[in-house]
Amino acid sequence: METIQVVLDAQLRRAVNRAARQTKLNRSALIRASLREHLRRLAIRELEERDRRGYGKRPPERRGTSDWESEAAWPIE
């Protein structure tokens, strides 16, 4: 791991300290976990946007649900 310096205003620093105590993590671990989660959400948002653009270029065919009715039926006992 590498050490970096991050500047936080006093209010955010206090909130981070509180959250670290509540989650029983040290500040560095909390910030790492938060950054990982944020990056994961950004990646998901990008994938969703890519899908939206793709469907916008070629919308799916509008078919009824009858194609799936046999798949959704409960098996006969």
N, C-alpha and C. Protein backbone atom coordinates (compact mmCIF):
# COMPACT_ATOMS: atom_id res chain seq x y z
N MET A 1 0.83 -1.18 0.00
CA MET A 1 0.00 0.00 0.00
C MET A 1 0.87 1.24 0.00
N GLU A 2 0.30 2.26 -0.54
CA GLU A 2 0.99 3.55 -0.56
C GLU A 2 0.26 4.52 0.34
N THR A 3 0.98 5.46 0.86
CA THR A 3 0.40 6.50 1.70
C THR A 3 0.16 7.73 0.83
N ILE A 4 -1.04 8.30 0.95
CA ILE A 4 -1.36 9.55 0.25
C ILE A 4 -1.88 10.54 1.27
N GLN A 5 -1.89 11.79 0.90
CA GLN A 5 -2.40 12.82 1.78
C GLN A 5 -3.71 13.32 1.21
N VAL A 6 -4.74 13.37 2.04
CA VAL A 6 -6.06 13.85 1.62
C VAL A 6 -6.46 14.98 2.55
N VAL A 7 -6.94 16.06 1.98
CA VAL A 7 -7.36 17.20 2.77
C VAL A 7 -8.88 17.12 2.96
N LEU A 8 -9.31 17.16 4.23
CA LEU A 8 -10.74 17.13 4.57
C LEU A 8 -11.08 18.37 5.38
N ASP A 9 -12.27 18.92 5.16
CA ASP A 9 -12.68 20.01 6.03
C ASP A 9 -13.06 19.41 7.38
N ALA A 10 -13.18 20.26 8.38
CA ALA A 10 -13.39 19.80 9.75
C ALA A 10 -14.68 18.99 9.90
N GLN A 11 -15.74 19.43 9.26
CA GLN A 11 -17.02 18.73 9.37
C GLN A 11 -16.93 17.31 8.79
N LEU A 12 -16.31 17.18 7.63
CA LEU A 12 -16.15 15.87 7.01
C LEU A 12 -15.23 14.98 7.85
N ARG A 13 -14.17 15.55 8.38
CA ARG A 13 -13.25 14.78 9.24
C ARG A 13 -13.97 14.24 10.46
N ARG A 14 -14.82 15.07 11.07
CA ARG A 14 -15.58 14.60 12.24
C ARG A 14 -16.54 13.48 11.85
N ALA A 15 -17.19 13.63 10.70
CA ALA A 15 -18.12 12.59 10.23
C ALA A 15 -17.38 11.29 9.94
N VAL A 16 -16.21 11.39 9.35
CA VAL A 16 -15.40 10.20 9.08
C VAL A 16 -14.98 9.54 10.38
N ASN A 17 -14.56 10.33 11.34
CA ASN A 17 -14.16 9.77 12.64
C ASN A 17 -15.33 9.05 13.31
N ARG A 18 -16.51 9.66 13.28
CA ARG A 18 -17.70 9.03 13.86
C ARG A 18 -18.01 7.71 13.16
N ALA A 19 -18.01 7.74 11.84
CA ALA A 19 -18.32 6.53 11.06
C ALA A 19 -17.29 5.45 11.31
N ALA A 20 -16.04 5.83 11.44
CA ALA A 20 -14.98 4.85 11.71
C ALA A 20 -15.21 4.18 13.06
N ARG A 21 -15.57 4.98 14.06
CA ARG A 21 -15.84 4.39 15.38
C ARG A 21 -17.05 3.46 15.32
N GLN A 22 -18.10 3.89 14.63
CA GLN A 22 -19.33 3.08 14.55
C GLN A 22 -19.10 1.76 13.83
N THR A 23 -18.26 1.78 12.81
CA THR A 23 -18.01 0.57 12.03
C THR A 23 -16.82 -0.22 12.55
N LYS A 24 -16.19 0.30 13.61
CA LYS A 24 -15.01 -0.35 14.20
C LYS A 24 -13.88 -0.53 13.18
N LEU A 25 -13.72 0.48 12.34
CA LEU A 25 -12.62 0.53 11.38
C LEU A 25 -11.77 1.75 11.70
N ASN A 26 -10.51 1.69 11.30
CA ASN A 26 -9.75 2.93 11.43
C ASN A 26 -10.08 3.82 10.23
N ARG A 27 -9.70 5.07 10.31
CA ARG A 27 -10.04 6.02 9.23
C ARG A 27 -9.57 5.54 7.87
N SER A 28 -8.36 5.05 7.80
CA SER A 28 -7.81 4.61 6.51
C SER A 28 -8.64 3.48 5.93
N ALA A 29 -9.01 2.50 6.76
CA ALA A 29 -9.80 1.37 6.28
C ALA A 29 -11.17 1.84 5.82
N LEU A 30 -11.77 2.76 6.57
CA LEU A 30 -13.08 3.29 6.18
C LEU A 30 -13.00 4.03 4.85
N ILE A 31 -11.98 4.84 4.69
CA ILE A 31 -11.83 5.60 3.44
C ILE A 31 -11.56 4.65 2.27
N ARG A 32 -10.73 3.62 2.48
CA ARG A 32 -10.49 2.63 1.41
C ARG A 32 -11.79 1.94 1.02
N ALA A 33 -12.56 1.50 2.02
CA ALA A 33 -13.83 0.82 1.73
C ALA A 33 -14.79 1.76 1.00
N SER A 34 -14.82 3.00 1.43
CA SER A 34 -15.71 3.98 0.79
C SER A 34 -15.31 4.23 -0.66
N LEU A 35 -14.03 4.35 -0.90
CA LEU A 35 -13.56 4.56 -2.27
C LEU A 35 -13.85 3.36 -3.16
N ARG A 36 -13.64 2.15 -2.61
CA ARG A 36 -13.96 0.95 -3.39
C ARG A 36 -15.44 0.92 -3.76
N GLU A 37 -16.29 1.22 -2.79
CA GLU A 37 -17.74 1.23 -3.04
C GLU A 37 -18.11 2.30 -4.08
N HIS A 38 -17.52 3.46 -3.95
CA HIS A 38 -17.80 4.53 -4.91
C HIS A 38 -17.36 4.13 -6.32
N LEU A 39 -16.18 3.55 -6.44
CA LEU A 39 -15.69 3.12 -7.75
C LEU A 39 -16.55 2.01 -8.33
N ARG A 40 -17.04 1.10 -7.46
CA ARG A 40 -17.94 0.03 -7.92
C ARG A 40 -19.23 0.63 -8.48
N ARG A 41 -19.77 1.63 -7.76
CA ARG A 41 -21.00 2.28 -8.23
C ARG A 41 -20.78 3.03 -9.54
N LEU A 42 -19.63 3.67 -9.68
CA LEU A 42 -19.31 4.35 -10.94
C LEU A 42 -19.25 3.35 -12.09
N ALA A 43 -18.65 2.19 -11.86
CA ALA A 43 -18.55 1.17 -12.90
C ALA A 43 -19.94 0.66 -13.28
N ILE A 44 -20.80 0.45 -12.30
CA ILE A 44 -22.16 0.00 -12.58
C ILE A 44 -22.91 1.07 -13.36
N ARG A 45 -22.76 2.33 -12.96
CA ARG A 45 -23.42 3.42 -13.66
C ARG A 45 -22.97 3.49 -15.12
N GLU A 46 -21.68 3.27 -15.35
CA GLU A 46 -21.17 3.28 -16.72
C GLU A 46 -21.75 2.13 -17.54
N LEU A 47 -21.83 0.94 -16.95
CA LEU A 47 -22.43 -0.20 -17.65
C LEU A 47 -23.90 0.06 -17.97
N GLU A 48 -24.62 0.64 -17.01
CA GLU A 48 -26.03 0.95 -17.25
C GLU A 48 -26.18 1.98 -18.37
N GLU A 49 -25.31 2.97 -18.36
CA GLU A 49 -25.37 4.00 -19.41
C GLU A 49 -25.04 3.39 -20.77
N ARG A 50 -24.06 2.49 -20.80
CA ARG A 50 -23.72 1.81 -22.05
C ARG A 50 -24.92 1.01 -22.56
N ASP A 51 -25.61 0.31 -21.65
CA ASP A 51 -26.79 -0.44 -22.05
C ASP A 51 -27.89 0.48 -22.57
N ARG A 52 -28.10 1.62 -21.89
CA ARG A 52 -29.12 2.57 -22.33
C ARG A 52 -28.81 3.07 -23.74
N ARG A 53 -27.53 3.39 -23.98
CA ARG A 53 -27.16 3.86 -25.32
C ARG A 53 -27.40 2.77 -26.35
N GLY A 54 -27.04 1.54 -26.00
CA GLY A 54 -27.23 0.43 -26.93
C GLY A 54 -28.69 0.17 -27.24
N TYR A 55 -29.54 0.16 -26.21
CA TYR A 55 -30.97 -0.05 -26.44
C TYR A 55 -31.59 1.13 -27.16
N GLY A 56 -31.02 2.32 -26.96
CA GLY A 56 -31.53 3.49 -27.66
C GLY A 56 -31.27 3.39 -29.16
N LYS A 57 -30.16 2.77 -29.53
CA LYS A 57 -29.83 2.62 -30.94
C LYS A 57 -30.70 1.55 -31.60
N ARG A 58 -30.99 0.49 -30.84
CA ARG A 58 -31.79 -0.59 -31.38
C ARG A 58 -32.68 -1.15 -30.26
N PRO A 59 -33.87 -0.57 -30.12
CA PRO A 59 -34.75 -1.02 -29.05
C PRO A 59 -35.11 -2.50 -29.23
N PRO A 60 -35.34 -3.21 -28.13
CA PRO A 60 -35.72 -4.61 -28.24
C PRO A 60 -37.06 -4.76 -28.94
N GLU A 61 -37.24 -5.89 -29.60
CA GLU A 61 -38.51 -6.15 -30.28
C GLU A 61 -39.61 -6.26 -29.24
N ARG A 62 -40.75 -5.74 -29.58
CA ARG A 62 -41.88 -5.83 -28.66
C ARG A 62 -42.65 -7.11 -28.95
N ARG A 63 -42.46 -8.08 -28.08
CA ARG A 63 -43.20 -9.32 -28.21
C ARG A 63 -43.97 -9.53 -26.92
N GLY A 64 -45.02 -10.32 -27.03
CA GLY A 64 -45.82 -10.63 -25.85
C GLY A 64 -45.06 -11.54 -24.91
N THR A 65 -45.65 -11.76 -23.77
CA THR A 65 -45.03 -12.62 -22.78
C THR A 65 -45.35 -14.09 -23.03
N SER A 66 -46.13 -14.36 -24.08
CA SER A 66 -46.54 -15.75 -24.32
C SER A 66 -45.34 -16.66 -24.55
N ASP A 67 -44.24 -16.13 -25.05
CA ASP A 67 -43.04 -16.94 -25.27
C ASP A 67 -42.50 -17.49 -23.95
N TRP A 68 -42.76 -16.80 -22.86
CA TRP A 68 -42.20 -17.18 -21.56
C TRP A 68 -43.20 -17.89 -20.66
N GLU A 69 -44.46 -17.98 -21.08
CA GLU A 69 -45.46 -18.57 -20.20
C GLU A 69 -45.14 -19.99 -19.80
N SER A 70 -44.62 -20.79 -20.72
CA SER A 70 -44.30 -22.18 -20.37
C SER A 70 -43.12 -22.24 -19.38
N GLU A 71 -42.25 -21.27 -19.44
CA GLU A 71 -41.11 -21.24 -18.52
C GLU A 71 -41.56 -20.83 -17.12
N ALA A 72 -42.57 -20.00 -17.05
CA ALA A 72 -43.01 -19.48 -15.76
C ALA A 72 -44.04 -20.38 -15.08
N ALA A 73 -44.52 -21.38 -15.76
CA ALA A 73 -45.56 -22.26 -15.20
C ALA A 73 -44.98 -23.15 -14.13
N TRP A 74 -45.76 -23.36 -13.05
CA TRP A 74 -45.35 -24.29 -11.99
C TRP A 74 -45.43 -25.71 -12.53
N PRO A 75 -44.50 -26.57 -12.15
CA PRO A 75 -44.55 -27.95 -12.62
C PRO A 75 -45.77 -28.69 -12.03
N ILE A 76 -46.30 -29.61 -12.79
CA ILE A 76 -47.43 -30.41 -12.34
C ILE A 76 -46.91 -31.47 -11.40
N GLU A 77 -47.52 -31.57 -10.24
CA GLU A 77 -47.05 -32.55 -9.24
C GLU A 77 -47.77 -33.86 -9.37
